[in-house]
């Protein structure tokens, strides 16, 4: 993983502001097909969504670097954001990948319980999924450690992280276990303040940049059915 370099001085040296963005839509999102670690590219709607969120971020406080899952649906979203925000570097981090869904990967969500009921039950119960799939705890440890590492490196900065619905849900649960996170539409924006000893959510699942585009989708993948 490339090193984005040292952190500049800031008026909030005690925390990193991390803007977490869900990737744009894929054809499998639109079809309700479980993706997991399978590498599916953005569709045209997803690219339009990515352009809309990139335009939004380019008008906000400056982002110093963009981190991304190495899966292409996230990486392409991140590249669009980075280009619009002044040609920023995109740092790939495989720890930001979606939950590995084992034998469920590639299966339509509404057929999963019929095709592989054991794997579907394991997924819904948060357990490891047959076929090499991760448990919820494994996903949480992986992605929260990644975000903590990014926050520690970039204290005093505003950075962007492009990742997946299941990952963002896990990040939410790291902060708030009392209320369910709800759905997260593609390219939704959530803002975390990462201090050395605590996390604070400042914005959750905002899609105001999509309100006038006609590309506000159902949000499949950002809730407990994540894939």
C-alpha atoms as a PDB file:
ATOM      1  CA  UNK A   1       0.000   0.000   0.000  1.00  0.00           C
ATOM      2  CA  UNK A   2       1.416   3.372  -0.993  1.00  0.00           C
ATOM      3  CA  UNK A   3       2.293   5.988   1.614  1.00  0.00           C
ATOM      4  CA  UNK A   4       0.402   9.283   1.083  1.00  0.00           C
ATOM      5  CA  UNK A   5       3.058  11.192   3.027  1.00  0.00           C
ATOM      6  CA  UNK A   6       3.049  13.341   6.161  1.00  0.00           C
ATOM      7  CA  UNK A   7       0.008  15.112   7.575  1.00  0.00           C
ATOM      8  CA  UNK A   8      -0.190  18.908   7.227  1.00  0.00           C
ATOM      9  CA  UNK A   9      -1.002  21.232  10.113  1.00  0.00           C
ATOM     10  CA  UNK A  10      -4.698  21.741  10.917  1.00  0.00           C
ATOM     11  CA  UNK A  11      -7.168  23.524  13.151  1.00  0.00           C
ATOM     12  CA  UNK A  12      -8.330  20.143  14.514  1.00  0.00           C
ATOM     13  CA  UNK A  13      -5.049  18.363  15.355  1.00  0.00           C
ATOM     14  CA  UNK A  14      -6.742  16.045  17.856  1.00  0.00           C
ATOM     15  CA  UNK A  15      -8.895  14.149  15.363  1.00  0.00           C
ATOM     16  CA  UNK A  16      -9.071  13.057  11.726  1.00  0.00           C
ATOM     17  CA  UNK A  17     -12.214  13.834   9.755  1.00  0.00           C
ATOM     18  CA  UNK A  18     -12.906  10.754   7.667  1.00  0.00           C
ATOM     19  CA  UNK A  19     -15.533  11.014   4.936  1.00  0.00           C
ATOM     20  CA  UNK A  20     -16.746   7.484   4.243  1.00  0.00           C
ATOM     21  CA  UNK A  21     -18.492   6.940   0.901  1.00  0.00           C
ATOM     22  CA  UNK A  22     -20.239   3.833  -0.347  1.00  0.00           C
ATOM     23  CA  UNK A  23     -19.303   2.944  -3.923  1.00  0.00           C
ATOM     24  CA  UNK A  24     -21.567   3.708  -6.872  1.00  0.00           C
ATOM     25  CA  UNK A  25     -24.133   1.264  -8.207  1.00  0.00           C
ATOM     26  CA  UNK A  26     -23.220  -1.900 -10.106  1.00  0.00           C
ATOM     27  CA  UNK A  27     -25.417  -4.047 -12.315  1.00  0.00           C
ATOM     28  CA  UNK A  28     -25.441  -6.606  -9.500  1.00  0.00           C
ATOM     29  CA  UNK A  29     -26.656  -3.985  -7.018  1.00  0.00           C
ATOM     30  CA  UNK A  30     -29.484  -3.175  -9.402  1.00  0.00           C
ATOM     31  CA  UNK A  31     -30.323  -6.882  -9.793  1.00  0.00           C
ATOM     32  CA  UNK A  32     -30.069  -7.637  -6.054  1.00  0.00           C
ATOM     33  CA  UNK A  33     -27.192 -10.082  -6.554  1.00  0.00           C
ATOM     34  CA  UNK A  34     -24.746 -10.718  -3.681  1.00  0.00           C
ATOM     35  CA  UNK A  35     -21.252  -9.506  -4.569  1.00  0.00           C
ATOM     36  CA  UNK A  36     -18.963  -9.894  -1.555  1.00  0.00           C
ATOM     37  CA  UNK A  37     -15.374 -10.089  -2.839  1.00  0.00           C
ATOM     38  CA  UNK A  38     -16.404 -10.685  -6.456  1.00  0.00           C
ATOM     39  CA  UNK A  39     -15.047  -7.828  -8.556  1.00  0.00           C
ATOM     40  CA  UNK A  40     -17.979  -6.153 -10.303  1.00  0.00           C
ATOM     41  CA  UNK A  41     -17.552  -2.817 -12.078  1.00  0.00           C
ATOM     42  CA  UNK A  42     -19.809   0.226 -11.847  1.00  0.00           C
ATOM     43  CA  UNK A  43     -22.700   0.564 -14.270  1.00  0.00           C
ATOM     44  CA  UNK A  44     -23.609   3.864 -15.922  1.00  0.00           C
ATOM     45  CA  UNK A  45     -25.865   4.845 -13.031  1.00  0.00           C
ATOM     46  CA  UNK A  46     -22.996   4.144 -10.632  1.00  0.00           C
ATOM     47  CA  UNK A  47     -20.635   6.352 -12.616  1.00  0.00           C
ATOM     48  CA  UNK A  48     -23.193   9.165 -12.609  1.00  0.00           C
ATOM     49  CA  UNK A  49     -23.629   8.755  -8.842  1.00  0.00           C
ATOM     50  CA  UNK A  50     -19.842   8.846  -8.380  1.00  0.00           C
ATOM     51  CA  UNK A  51     -19.629  12.027 -10.431  1.00  0.00           C
ATOM     52  CA  UNK A  52     -22.359  13.619  -8.293  1.00  0.00           C
ATOM     53  CA  UNK A  53     -20.648  12.794  -4.990  1.00  0.00           C
ATOM     54  CA  UNK A  54     -17.296  13.900  -6.416  1.00  0.00           C
ATOM     55  CA  UNK A  55     -18.803  17.251  -7.374  1.00  0.00           C
ATOM     56  CA  UNK A  56     -20.153  17.599  -3.844  1.00  0.00           C
ATOM     57  CA  UNK A  57     -16.845  16.802  -2.164  1.00  0.00           C
ATOM     58  CA  UNK A  58     -14.926  19.148  -4.464  1.00  0.00           C
ATOM     59  CA  UNK A  59     -16.988  22.052  -3.071  1.00  0.00           C
ATOM     60  CA  UNK A  60     -16.494  21.109   0.594  1.00  0.00           C
ATOM     61  CA  UNK A  61     -13.442  21.344   2.842  1.00  0.00           C
ATOM     62  CA  UNK A  62     -10.345  20.060   1.120  1.00  0.00           C
ATOM     63  CA  UNK A  63      -9.663  16.338   1.173  1.00  0.00           C
ATOM     64  CA  UNK A  64      -5.962  15.464   1.400  1.00  0.00           C
ATOM     65  CA  UNK A  65      -6.024  11.854   0.177  1.00  0.00           C
ATOM     66  CA  UNK A  66      -8.519   9.205  -0.931  1.00  0.00           C
ATOM     67  CA  UNK A  67      -8.405   5.644   0.377  1.00  0.00           C
ATOM     68  CA  UNK A  68     -10.312   2.857  -1.331  1.00  0.00           C
ATOM     69  CA  UNK A  69     -11.132  -0.810  -1.232  1.00  0.00           C
ATOM     70  CA  UNK A  70      -9.198  -2.524  -4.000  1.00  0.00           C
ATOM     71  CA  UNK A  71     -12.398  -3.905  -5.567  1.00  0.00           C
ATOM     72  CA  UNK A  72     -13.065  -2.027  -8.788  1.00  0.00           C
ATOM     73  CA  UNK A  73     -16.552  -0.771  -7.908  1.00  0.00           C
ATOM     74  CA  UNK A  74     -14.995   1.157  -5.011  1.00  0.00           C
ATOM     75  CA  UNK A  75     -11.732   2.014  -6.742  1.00  0.00           C
ATOM     76  CA  UNK A  76     -13.444   3.503  -9.803  1.00  0.00           C
ATOM     77  CA  UNK A  77     -15.677   5.595  -7.515  1.00  0.00           C
ATOM     78  CA  UNK A  78     -12.562   6.737  -5.648  1.00  0.00           C
ATOM     79  CA  UNK A  79     -10.753   7.657  -8.861  1.00  0.00           C
ATOM     80  CA  UNK A  80     -13.667   9.835  -9.982  1.00  0.00           C
ATOM     81  CA  UNK A  81     -13.656  11.591  -6.599  1.00  0.00           C
ATOM     82  CA  UNK A  82      -9.882  12.029  -6.584  1.00  0.00           C
ATOM     83  CA  UNK A  83      -9.838  13.536 -10.066  1.00  0.00           C
ATOM     84  CA  UNK A  84     -12.614  15.991  -9.268  1.00  0.00           C
ATOM     85  CA  UNK A  85     -10.922  17.011  -6.006  1.00  0.00           C
ATOM     86  CA  UNK A  86      -7.725  18.143  -7.703  1.00  0.00           C
ATOM     87  CA  UNK A  87      -5.984  14.987  -8.844  1.00  0.00           C
ATOM     88  CA  UNK A  88      -5.518  13.404  -5.423  1.00  0.00           C
ATOM     89  CA  UNK A  89      -3.764  10.123  -4.817  1.00  0.00           C
ATOM     90  CA  UNK A  90      -5.931   7.022  -4.375  1.00  0.00           C
ATOM     91  CA  UNK A  91      -4.487   4.512  -1.903  1.00  0.00           C
ATOM     92  CA  UNK A  92      -5.842   0.972  -2.266  1.00  0.00           C
ATOM     93  CA  UNK A  93      -6.431  -0.935   0.961  1.00  0.00           C
ATOM     94  CA  UNK A  94      -7.784  -4.513   0.730  1.00  0.00           C
ATOM     95  CA  UNK A  95      -8.879  -4.280   4.382  1.00  0.00           C
ATOM     96  CA  UNK A  96     -11.671  -1.979   3.145  1.00  0.00           C
ATOM     97  CA  UNK A  97     -13.226  -4.754   1.052  1.00  0.00           C
ATOM     98  CA  UNK A  98     -16.809  -5.891   1.502  1.00  0.00           C
ATOM     99  CA  UNK A  99     -17.552  -8.908   3.717  1.00  0.00           C
ATOM    100  CA  UNK A 100     -16.555 -12.151   2.015  1.00  0.00           C
ATOM    101  CA  UNK A 101     -19.827 -13.995   1.486  1.00  0.00           C
ATOM    102  CA  UNK A 102     -18.432 -17.427   0.676  1.00  0.00           C
ATOM    103  CA  UNK A 103     -20.786 -19.687  -1.254  1.00  0.00           C
ATOM    104  CA  UNK A 104     -23.412 -16.920  -1.462  1.00  0.00           C
ATOM    105  CA  UNK A 105     -21.321 -14.734  -3.747  1.00  0.00           C
ATOM    106  CA  UNK A 106     -22.969 -14.301  -7.141  1.00  0.00           C
ATOM    107  CA  UNK A 107     -26.387 -15.543  -5.980  1.00  0.00           C
ATOM    108  CA  UNK A 108     -29.504 -13.349  -6.268  1.00  0.00           C
ATOM    109  CA  UNK A 109     -30.431 -12.196  -2.773  1.00  0.00           C
ATOM    110  CA  UNK A 110     -34.073 -13.297  -3.008  1.00  0.00           C
ATOM    111  CA  UNK A 111     -33.011 -16.832  -4.025  1.00  0.00           C
ATOM    112  CA  UNK A 112     -30.220 -17.300  -1.476  1.00  0.00           C
ATOM    113  CA  UNK A 113     -32.318 -19.062   1.157  1.00  0.00           C
ATOM    114  CA  UNK A 114     -33.551 -21.595  -1.415  1.00  0.00           C
ATOM    115  CA  UNK A 115     -30.238 -22.187  -3.162  1.00  0.00           C
ATOM    116  CA  UNK A 116     -28.065 -22.455  -0.048  1.00  0.00           C
ATOM    117  CA  UNK A 117     -30.091 -22.249   3.168  1.00  0.00           C
ATOM    118  CA  UNK A 118     -27.148 -23.162   5.442  1.00  0.00           C
ATOM    119  CA  UNK A 119     -24.944 -20.402   4.056  1.00  0.00           C
ATOM    120  CA  UNK A 120     -27.817 -17.935   4.153  1.00  0.00           C
ATOM    121  CA  UNK A 121     -28.542 -18.758   7.795  1.00  0.00           C
ATOM    122  CA  UNK A 122     -24.865 -18.352   8.699  1.00  0.00           C
ATOM    123  CA  UNK A 123     -24.751 -14.970   6.973  1.00  0.00           C
ATOM    124  CA  UNK A 124     -27.899 -13.692   8.668  1.00  0.00           C
ATOM    125  CA  UNK A 125     -26.666 -14.892  12.079  1.00  0.00           C
ATOM    126  CA  UNK A 126     -23.335 -13.136  11.612  1.00  0.00           C
ATOM    127  CA  UNK A 127     -21.371 -16.391  11.504  1.00  0.00           C
ATOM    128  CA  UNK A 128     -18.612 -17.494   9.153  1.00  0.00           C
ATOM    129  CA  UNK A 129     -20.162 -18.496   5.826  1.00  0.00           C
ATOM    130  CA  UNK A 130     -19.352 -21.837   4.137  1.00  0.00           C
ATOM    131  CA  UNK A 131     -16.971 -21.330   1.230  1.00  0.00           C
ATOM    132  CA  UNK A 132     -14.514 -19.072   3.026  1.00  0.00           C
ATOM    133  CA  UNK A 133     -16.970 -16.364   4.031  1.00  0.00           C
ATOM    134  CA  UNK A 134     -16.322 -14.041   6.966  1.00  0.00           C
ATOM    135  CA  UNK A 135     -18.251 -13.691  10.176  1.00  0.00           C
ATOM    136  CA  UNK A 136     -19.508 -10.263  11.206  1.00  0.00           C
ATOM    137  CA  UNK A 137     -16.828 -10.160  13.902  1.00  0.00           C
ATOM    138  CA  UNK A 138     -14.077 -10.873  11.378  1.00  0.00           C
ATOM    139  CA  UNK A 139     -15.372  -8.125   9.096  1.00  0.00           C
ATOM    140  CA  UNK A 140     -15.629  -5.685  11.995  1.00  0.00           C
ATOM    141  CA  UNK A 141     -12.086  -6.314  13.223  1.00  0.00           C
ATOM    142  CA  UNK A 142     -10.690  -5.950   9.713  1.00  0.00           C
ATOM    143  CA  UNK A 143     -12.424  -2.755   8.681  1.00  0.00           C
ATOM    144  CA  UNK A 144     -12.419  -0.923  12.022  1.00  0.00           C
ATOM    145  CA  UNK A 145      -8.687  -1.577  12.350  1.00  0.00           C
ATOM    146  CA  UNK A 146      -8.196  -0.170   8.849  1.00  0.00           C
ATOM    147  CA  UNK A 147     -10.134   2.995   9.627  1.00  0.00           C
ATOM    148  CA  UNK A 148      -8.360   3.456  12.956  1.00  0.00           C
ATOM    149  CA  UNK A 149      -5.020   3.125  11.162  1.00  0.00           C
ATOM    150  CA  UNK A 150      -6.056   5.742   8.612  1.00  0.00           C
ATOM    151  CA  UNK A 151      -7.325   8.088  11.321  1.00  0.00           C
ATOM    152  CA  UNK A 152      -4.120   7.781  13.334  1.00  0.00           C
ATOM    153  CA  UNK A 153      -2.000   8.568  10.285  1.00  0.00           C
ATOM    154  CA  UNK A 154      -4.065  11.598   9.280  1.00  0.00           C
ATOM    155  CA  UNK A 155      -4.807  13.432  12.523  1.00  0.00           C
ATOM    156  CA  UNK A 156      -5.694  17.018  11.645  1.00  0.00           C
ATOM    157  CA  UNK A 157      -6.696  16.159   8.080  1.00  0.00           C
ATOM    158  CA  UNK A 158      -9.855  15.489   6.115  1.00  0.00           C
ATOM    159  CA  UNK A 159      -9.588  12.253   4.151  1.00  0.00           C
ATOM    160  CA  UNK A 160     -12.021  10.263   2.019  1.00  0.00           C
ATOM    161  CA  UNK A 161     -12.560   6.505   2.244  1.00  0.00           C
ATOM    162  CA  UNK A 162     -14.526   4.673  -0.464  1.00  0.00           C
ATOM    163  CA  UNK A 163     -15.804   1.288   0.614  1.00  0.00           C
ATOM    164  CA  UNK A 164     -18.871  -0.980   0.804  1.00  0.00           C
ATOM    165  CA  UNK A 165     -22.225  -1.188   2.567  1.00  0.00           C
ATOM    166  CA  UNK A 166     -21.307  -4.007   4.929  1.00  0.00           C
ATOM    167  CA  UNK A 167     -18.097  -2.260   5.923  1.00  0.00           C
ATOM    168  CA  UNK A 168     -19.844   1.042   6.637  1.00  0.00           C
ATOM    169  CA  UNK A 169     -22.445  -0.745   8.714  1.00  0.00           C
ATOM    170  CA  UNK A 170     -19.640  -2.294  10.790  1.00  0.00           C
ATOM    171  CA  UNK A 171     -18.052   1.119  11.274  1.00  0.00           C
ATOM    172  CA  UNK A 172     -21.401   2.438  12.507  1.00  0.00           C
ATOM    173  CA  UNK A 173     -21.725  -0.420  14.992  1.00  0.00           C
ATOM    174  CA  UNK A 174     -18.294   0.452  16.360  1.00  0.00           C
ATOM    175  CA  UNK A 175     -19.872   3.741  17.534  1.00  0.00           C
ATOM    176  CA  UNK A 176     -23.553   2.976  18.082  1.00  0.00           C
ATOM    177  CA  UNK A 177     -24.914  -0.424  19.076  1.00  0.00           C
ATOM    178  CA  UNK A 178     -28.280   0.880  20.292  1.00  0.00           C
ATOM    179  CA  UNK A 179     -29.890   1.915  16.998  1.00  0.00           C
ATOM    180  CA  UNK A 180     -29.766   0.047  13.679  1.00  0.00           C
ATOM    181  CA  UNK A 181     -27.924   1.942  10.938  1.00  0.00           C
ATOM    182  CA  UNK A 182     -30.663   1.580   8.341  1.00  0.00           C
ATOM    183  CA  UNK A 183     -29.980   1.450   4.614  1.00  0.00           C
ATOM    184  CA  UNK A 184     -27.098   3.173   2.850  1.00  0.00           C
ATOM    185  CA  UNK A 185     -27.769   4.072  -0.792  1.00  0.00           C
ATOM    186  CA  UNK A 186     -24.916   3.979  -3.263  1.00  0.00           C
ATOM    187  CA  UNK A 187     -22.533   6.954  -2.849  1.00  0.00           C
ATOM    188  CA  UNK A 188     -24.079   7.894   0.500  1.00  0.00           C
ATOM    189  CA  UNK A 189     -21.754  10.025   2.621  1.00  0.00           C
ATOM    190  CA  UNK A 190     -21.006   9.436   6.308  1.00  0.00           C
ATOM    191  CA  UNK A 191     -18.550  11.571   8.273  1.00  0.00           C
ATOM    192  CA  UNK A 192     -16.578  10.229  11.223  1.00  0.00           C
ATOM    193  CA  UNK A 193     -14.334  12.162  13.595  1.00  0.00           C
ATOM    194  CA  UNK A 194     -11.626   9.774  14.754  1.00  0.00           C
ATOM    195  CA  UNK A 195      -9.882  10.793  17.958  1.00  0.00           C
ATOM    196  CA  UNK A 196      -7.145   8.711  19.537  1.00  0.00           C
ATOM    197  CA  UNK A 197      -9.565   7.260  22.090  1.00  0.00           C
ATOM    198  CA  UNK A 198     -13.036   7.561  20.516  1.00  0.00           C
ATOM    199  CA  UNK A 199     -15.051   7.818  17.298  1.00  0.00           C
ATOM    200  CA  UNK A 200     -17.891  10.279  16.676  1.00  0.00           C
ATOM    201  CA  UNK A 201     -20.362  10.132  13.781  1.00  0.00           C
ATOM    202  CA  UNK A 202     -21.097  13.644  12.494  1.00  0.00           C
ATOM    203  CA  UNK A 203     -23.077  12.759   9.347  1.00  0.00           C
ATOM    204  CA  UNK A 204     -24.764   9.468   8.483  1.00  0.00           C
ATOM    205  CA  UNK A 205     -25.853   8.144   5.074  1.00  0.00           C
ATOM    206  CA  UNK A 206     -26.387  11.534   3.446  1.00  0.00           C
ATOM    207  CA  UNK A 207     -27.410  11.469  -0.221  1.00  0.00           C
ATOM    208  CA  UNK A 208     -28.388  15.096  -0.753  1.00  0.00           C
ATOM    209  CA  UNK A 209     -26.064  15.187  -3.784  1.00  0.00           C
ATOM    210  CA  UNK A 210     -28.380  12.690  -5.511  1.00  0.00           C
ATOM    211  CA  UNK A 211     -31.644  14.504  -4.885  1.00  0.00           C
ATOM    212  CA  UNK A 212     -31.668  16.293  -8.224  1.00  0.00           C
ATOM    213  CA  UNK A 213     -29.948  13.652 -10.339  1.00  0.00           C
ATOM    214  CA  UNK A 214     -32.613  10.971 -10.709  1.00  0.00           C
ATOM    215  CA  UNK A 215     -30.079   8.390  -9.506  1.00  0.00           C
ATOM    216  CA  UNK A 216     -31.245   7.910  -5.919  1.00  0.00           C
ATOM    217  CA  UNK A 217     -31.527   4.141  -5.739  1.00  0.00           C
ATOM    218  CA  UNK A 218     -32.943   1.644  -3.238  1.00  0.00           C
ATOM    219  CA  UNK A 219     -29.802   1.290  -1.152  1.00  0.00           C
ATOM    220  CA  UNK A 220     -29.517  -2.491  -1.482  1.00  0.00           C
ATOM    221  CA  UNK A 221     -26.304  -3.644   0.170  1.00  0.00           C
ATOM    222  CA  UNK A 222     -26.081  -1.093   2.939  1.00  0.00           C
ATOM    223  CA  UNK A 223     -28.211  -2.864   5.530  1.00  0.00           C
ATOM    224  CA  UNK A 224     -28.255  -6.340   7.063  1.00  0.00           C
ATOM    225  CA  UNK A 225     -28.681  -7.845   3.577  1.00  0.00           C
ATOM    226  CA  UNK A 226     -25.333  -6.356   2.591  1.00  0.00           C
ATOM    227  CA  UNK A 227     -23.478  -7.786  -0.325  1.00  0.00           C
END
